[in-house]
């Protein structure tokens, strides 16, 4: 039997890279599980948007800030 199911992954709101693109498992059965694993890989949530480690930085006041510039998919690889 073929059955449709809903799975979740995380995509960067700046460069559109997916959190688990180089891994065997790329999606999970809950949003919470997907986010927990992405967060463990250095992903951050800023203003309700998700960012990979290559798309944000920490400013002089130790605040997370999204990098300026155009979203470029192959600009970097997720850690």
C-alpha atoms as a PDB file:
ATOM      1  CA  UNK A   1       0.000   0.000   0.000  1.00  0.00           C
ATOM      2  CA  UNK A   2       1.220   3.502  -0.767  1.00  0.00           C
ATOM      3  CA  UNK A   3       0.198   6.013   1.830  1.00  0.00           C
ATOM      4  CA  UNK A   4       0.752   9.758   1.983  1.00  0.00           C
ATOM      5  CA  UNK A   5       2.320  11.090   5.180  1.00  0.00           C
ATOM      6  CA  UNK A   6       3.418  14.506   6.374  1.00  0.00           C
ATOM      7  CA  UNK A   7       7.082  15.039   7.216  1.00  0.00           C
ATOM      8  CA  UNK A   8       9.025  18.156   8.223  1.00  0.00           C
ATOM      9  CA  UNK A   9      12.422  19.624   7.418  1.00  0.00           C
ATOM     10  CA  UNK A  10      14.007  23.040   7.980  1.00  0.00           C
ATOM     11  CA  UNK A  11      14.981  25.402   5.139  1.00  0.00           C
ATOM     12  CA  UNK A  12      16.995  28.596   5.672  1.00  0.00           C
ATOM     13  CA  UNK A  13      14.894  31.709   5.069  1.00  0.00           C
ATOM     14  CA  UNK A  14      17.924  33.512   3.593  1.00  0.00           C
ATOM     15  CA  UNK A  15      19.811  31.059   1.363  1.00  0.00           C
ATOM     16  CA  UNK A  16      17.198  28.265   1.164  1.00  0.00           C
ATOM     17  CA  UNK A  17      19.652  25.500   2.055  1.00  0.00           C
ATOM     18  CA  UNK A  18      18.026  22.605   3.937  1.00  0.00           C
ATOM     19  CA  UNK A  19      19.284  21.642   7.365  1.00  0.00           C
ATOM     20  CA  UNK A  20      19.816  17.971   6.636  1.00  0.00           C
ATOM     21  CA  UNK A  21      20.723  17.923   2.944  1.00  0.00           C
ATOM     22  CA  UNK A  22      23.947  15.934   3.415  1.00  0.00           C
ATOM     23  CA  UNK A  23      22.469  13.404   5.819  1.00  0.00           C
ATOM     24  CA  UNK A  24      20.681  10.123   5.351  1.00  0.00           C
ATOM     25  CA  UNK A  25      17.578  11.320   7.221  1.00  0.00           C
ATOM     26  CA  UNK A  26      16.214  14.568   5.793  1.00  0.00           C
ATOM     27  CA  UNK A  27      12.747  14.870   7.349  1.00  0.00           C
ATOM     28  CA  UNK A  28      10.965  14.104  10.607  1.00  0.00           C
ATOM     29  CA  UNK A  29       7.415  13.415  11.726  1.00  0.00           C
ATOM     30  CA  UNK A  30       7.088  16.605  13.796  1.00  0.00           C
ATOM     31  CA  UNK A  31       8.125  20.225  13.474  1.00  0.00           C
ATOM     32  CA  UNK A  32       9.601  20.075  16.958  1.00  0.00           C
ATOM     33  CA  UNK A  33      11.874  17.140  16.152  1.00  0.00           C
ATOM     34  CA  UNK A  34      13.118  18.767  12.935  1.00  0.00           C
ATOM     35  CA  UNK A  35      13.825  22.060  14.707  1.00  0.00           C
ATOM     36  CA  UNK A  36      15.571  20.400  17.672  1.00  0.00           C
ATOM     37  CA  UNK A  37      17.987  18.605  15.346  1.00  0.00           C
ATOM     38  CA  UNK A  38      18.609  21.725  13.232  1.00  0.00           C
ATOM     39  CA  UNK A  39      19.201  23.798  16.362  1.00  0.00           C
ATOM     40  CA  UNK A  40      21.762  21.226  17.518  1.00  0.00           C
ATOM     41  CA  UNK A  41      23.613  21.894  14.236  1.00  0.00           C
ATOM     42  CA  UNK A  42      23.844  25.624  14.901  1.00  0.00           C
ATOM     43  CA  UNK A  43      20.666  26.850  13.237  1.00  0.00           C
ATOM     44  CA  UNK A  44      18.927  29.854  14.811  1.00  0.00           C
ATOM     45  CA  UNK A  45      15.432  31.296  14.826  1.00  0.00           C
ATOM     46  CA  UNK A  46      15.347  35.098  14.460  1.00  0.00           C
ATOM     47  CA  UNK A  47      12.004  36.939  14.254  1.00  0.00           C
ATOM     48  CA  UNK A  48      10.144  33.668  13.572  1.00  0.00           C
ATOM     49  CA  UNK A  49      12.424  32.819  10.617  1.00  0.00           C
ATOM     50  CA  UNK A  50      15.018  30.035  10.481  1.00  0.00           C
ATOM     51  CA  UNK A  51      18.665  30.624   9.561  1.00  0.00           C
ATOM     52  CA  UNK A  52      21.560  28.264   8.931  1.00  0.00           C
ATOM     53  CA  UNK A  53      24.958  28.936  10.552  1.00  0.00           C
ATOM     54  CA  UNK A  54      26.236  30.650   7.396  1.00  0.00           C
ATOM     55  CA  UNK A  55      23.465  33.249   7.278  1.00  0.00           C
ATOM     56  CA  UNK A  56      23.661  34.914  10.674  1.00  0.00           C
ATOM     57  CA  UNK A  57      26.357  36.425  12.841  1.00  0.00           C
ATOM     58  CA  UNK A  58      26.732  37.786  16.341  1.00  0.00           C
ATOM     59  CA  UNK A  59      27.137  41.564  16.528  1.00  0.00           C
ATOM     60  CA  UNK A  60      29.109  43.698  19.018  1.00  0.00           C
ATOM     61  CA  UNK A  61      26.234  43.498  21.511  1.00  0.00           C
ATOM     62  CA  UNK A  62      26.137  39.671  21.354  1.00  0.00           C
ATOM     63  CA  UNK A  63      22.872  39.766  19.391  1.00  0.00           C
ATOM     64  CA  UNK A  64      22.091  37.409  16.532  1.00  0.00           C
ATOM     65  CA  UNK A  65      21.842  39.335  13.255  1.00  0.00           C
ATOM     66  CA  UNK A  66      20.975  38.037   9.791  1.00  0.00           C
ATOM     67  CA  UNK A  67      23.785  38.746   7.348  1.00  0.00           C
ATOM     68  CA  UNK A  68      23.109  41.436   4.773  1.00  0.00           C
ATOM     69  CA  UNK A  69      23.159  40.762   1.069  1.00  0.00           C
ATOM     70  CA  UNK A  70      21.402  38.700  -1.496  1.00  0.00           C
ATOM     71  CA  UNK A  71      20.321  35.163  -0.767  1.00  0.00           C
ATOM     72  CA  UNK A  72      22.730  32.898  -2.623  1.00  0.00           C
ATOM     73  CA  UNK A  73      22.039  29.184  -2.324  1.00  0.00           C
ATOM     74  CA  UNK A  74      25.616  27.955  -2.843  1.00  0.00           C
ATOM     75  CA  UNK A  75      27.230  30.775  -0.866  1.00  0.00           C
ATOM     76  CA  UNK A  76      28.177  28.338   1.899  1.00  0.00           C
ATOM     77  CA  UNK A  77      27.483  24.893   3.239  1.00  0.00           C
ATOM     78  CA  UNK A  78      25.659  24.193   6.475  1.00  0.00           C
ATOM     79  CA  UNK A  79      27.899  22.906   9.245  1.00  0.00           C
END
